[in-house]
């Protein structure tokens, strides 16, 4: 809409992914299978590799999508850690 945003596309996507997946975890509807997790990790890794290693610029839309996937992965890892700690205690 012509206004500058204080965040880059990847960071905005990350916060969006964290927000959306946090709601899913709190409602109990957020469970990722291992195959889906590997696909997400590969997609994020390829995008980061293209940007930082090979210095190939991707579009802002792709950066936004990558940020969302990183946010979802972040919440998935936190959920996994907390579930594991809860099982150890009780």
C-alpha atoms as a PDB file:
ATOM      1  CA  UNK A   1       0.000   0.000   0.000  1.00  0.00           C
ATOM      2  CA  UNK A   2       2.987   2.282  -0.380  1.00  0.00           C
ATOM      3  CA  UNK A   3       4.003   2.447   3.283  1.00  0.00           C
ATOM      4  CA  UNK A   4       7.400   1.234   4.511  1.00  0.00           C
ATOM      5  CA  UNK A   5       7.420  -1.728   6.871  1.00  0.00           C
ATOM      6  CA  UNK A   6       9.810  -1.895   9.811  1.00  0.00           C
ATOM      7  CA  UNK A   7      10.502  -5.605   9.235  1.00  0.00           C
ATOM      8  CA  UNK A   8      11.942  -7.487   6.315  1.00  0.00           C
ATOM      9  CA  UNK A   9       9.712  -9.989   4.534  1.00  0.00           C
ATOM     10  CA  UNK A  10      11.370 -13.016   6.128  1.00  0.00           C
ATOM     11  CA  UNK A  11      11.031 -11.589   9.656  1.00  0.00           C
ATOM     12  CA  UNK A  12       7.397 -10.621   9.077  1.00  0.00           C
ATOM     13  CA  UNK A  13       6.747 -14.144   7.788  1.00  0.00           C
ATOM     14  CA  UNK A  14       8.508 -15.632  10.825  1.00  0.00           C
ATOM     15  CA  UNK A  15       6.309 -13.703  13.248  1.00  0.00           C
ATOM     16  CA  UNK A  16       3.226 -14.599  11.225  1.00  0.00           C
ATOM     17  CA  UNK A  17       4.179 -18.285  11.270  1.00  0.00           C
ATOM     18  CA  UNK A  18       4.843 -18.202  15.011  1.00  0.00           C
ATOM     19  CA  UNK A  19       1.477 -16.528  15.636  1.00  0.00           C
ATOM     20  CA  UNK A  20      -0.530 -18.914  13.466  1.00  0.00           C
ATOM     21  CA  UNK A  21       1.174 -22.089  14.658  1.00  0.00           C
ATOM     22  CA  UNK A  22       0.993 -20.968  18.318  1.00  0.00           C
ATOM     23  CA  UNK A  23      -2.770 -20.710  18.000  1.00  0.00           C
ATOM     24  CA  UNK A  24      -2.809 -24.187  16.450  1.00  0.00           C
ATOM     25  CA  UNK A  25      -0.724 -25.612  19.298  1.00  0.00           C
ATOM     26  CA  UNK A  26      -2.896 -23.972  21.956  1.00  0.00           C
ATOM     27  CA  UNK A  27      -6.028 -25.384  20.335  1.00  0.00           C
ATOM     28  CA  UNK A  28      -4.404 -28.823  20.113  1.00  0.00           C
ATOM     29  CA  UNK A  29      -4.629 -29.041  16.333  1.00  0.00           C
ATOM     30  CA  UNK A  30      -0.955 -28.680  15.479  1.00  0.00           C
ATOM     31  CA  UNK A  31       0.835 -31.965  14.890  1.00  0.00           C
ATOM     32  CA  UNK A  32       3.501 -32.336  12.212  1.00  0.00           C
ATOM     33  CA  UNK A  33       4.568 -35.642  10.770  1.00  0.00           C
ATOM     34  CA  UNK A  34       8.259 -36.355  10.257  1.00  0.00           C
ATOM     35  CA  UNK A  35       7.950 -36.343   6.443  1.00  0.00           C
ATOM     36  CA  UNK A  36       6.326 -32.921   6.441  1.00  0.00           C
ATOM     37  CA  UNK A  37       8.953 -31.627   8.857  1.00  0.00           C
ATOM     38  CA  UNK A  38      11.783 -32.766   6.569  1.00  0.00           C
ATOM     39  CA  UNK A  39      10.142 -31.071   3.580  1.00  0.00           C
ATOM     40  CA  UNK A  40       9.846 -27.808   5.523  1.00  0.00           C
ATOM     41  CA  UNK A  41      13.462 -27.967   6.648  1.00  0.00           C
ATOM     42  CA  UNK A  42      14.681 -28.668   3.108  1.00  0.00           C
ATOM     43  CA  UNK A  43      12.672 -25.785   1.655  1.00  0.00           C
ATOM     44  CA  UNK A  44      13.999 -23.347   4.266  1.00  0.00           C
ATOM     45  CA  UNK A  45      17.550 -24.633   3.861  1.00  0.00           C
ATOM     46  CA  UNK A  46      17.455 -24.275   0.059  1.00  0.00           C
ATOM     47  CA  UNK A  47      16.137 -20.717   0.273  1.00  0.00           C
ATOM     48  CA  UNK A  48      18.733 -19.692   2.846  1.00  0.00           C
ATOM     49  CA  UNK A  49      21.469 -21.397   0.828  1.00  0.00           C
ATOM     50  CA  UNK A  50      20.478 -19.517  -2.322  1.00  0.00           C
ATOM     51  CA  UNK A  51      20.385 -16.187  -0.505  1.00  0.00           C
ATOM     52  CA  UNK A  52      23.437 -16.325   1.725  1.00  0.00           C
ATOM     53  CA  UNK A  53      25.867 -18.749   0.083  1.00  0.00           C
ATOM     54  CA  UNK A  54      25.229 -18.246  -3.643  1.00  0.00           C
ATOM     55  CA  UNK A  55      24.052 -14.629  -3.268  1.00  0.00           C
ATOM     56  CA  UNK A  56      20.997 -15.214  -5.482  1.00  0.00           C
ATOM     57  CA  UNK A  57      18.129 -12.880  -4.647  1.00  0.00           C
ATOM     58  CA  UNK A  58      14.725 -14.476  -4.277  1.00  0.00           C
ATOM     59  CA  UNK A  59      11.463 -12.578  -4.387  1.00  0.00           C
ATOM     60  CA  UNK A  60       9.925 -10.998  -1.318  1.00  0.00           C
ATOM     61  CA  UNK A  61       6.981 -13.387  -1.579  1.00  0.00           C
ATOM     62  CA  UNK A  62       9.311 -16.402  -1.378  1.00  0.00           C
ATOM     63  CA  UNK A  63      11.136 -14.821   1.565  1.00  0.00           C
ATOM     64  CA  UNK A  64       7.793 -14.279   3.307  1.00  0.00           C
ATOM     65  CA  UNK A  65       6.814 -17.933   2.759  1.00  0.00           C
ATOM     66  CA  UNK A  66      10.222 -19.067   4.039  1.00  0.00           C
ATOM     67  CA  UNK A  67       9.736 -16.922   7.132  1.00  0.00           C
ATOM     68  CA  UNK A  68       6.348 -18.517   7.784  1.00  0.00           C
ATOM     69  CA  UNK A  69       7.896 -21.979   7.492  1.00  0.00           C
ATOM     70  CA  UNK A  70      10.694 -21.017   9.890  1.00  0.00           C
ATOM     71  CA  UNK A  71       8.107 -19.755  12.387  1.00  0.00           C
ATOM     72  CA  UNK A  72       6.151 -22.997  12.130  1.00  0.00           C
ATOM     73  CA  UNK A  73       9.349 -25.019  12.592  1.00  0.00           C
ATOM     74  CA  UNK A  74      10.297 -22.908  15.622  1.00  0.00           C
ATOM     75  CA  UNK A  75       6.968 -23.584  17.354  1.00  0.00           C
ATOM     76  CA  UNK A  76       7.150 -27.261  16.387  1.00  0.00           C
ATOM     77  CA  UNK A  77      10.574 -27.592  18.036  1.00  0.00           C
ATOM     78  CA  UNK A  78       9.420 -25.753  21.167  1.00  0.00           C
ATOM     79  CA  UNK A  79       6.312 -27.933  21.362  1.00  0.00           C
ATOM     80  CA  UNK A  80       8.439 -31.062  20.972  1.00  0.00           C
ATOM     81  CA  UNK A  81      10.810 -29.955  23.765  1.00  0.00           C
ATOM     82  CA  UNK A  82       7.984 -29.089  26.158  1.00  0.00           C
ATOM     83  CA  UNK A  83       6.161 -32.362  25.443  1.00  0.00           C
ATOM     84  CA  UNK A  84       9.361 -34.300  26.115  1.00  0.00           C
ATOM     85  CA  UNK A  85       9.945 -32.439  29.413  1.00  0.00           C
ATOM     86  CA  UNK A  86       6.343 -33.038  30.447  1.00  0.00           C
ATOM     87  CA  UNK A  87       6.690 -36.781  29.802  1.00  0.00           C
ATOM     88  CA  UNK A  88       9.924 -36.918  31.838  1.00  0.00           C
ATOM     89  CA  UNK A  89       8.268 -35.258  34.843  1.00  0.00           C
ATOM     90  CA  UNK A  90       5.032 -37.155  34.884  1.00  0.00           C
END
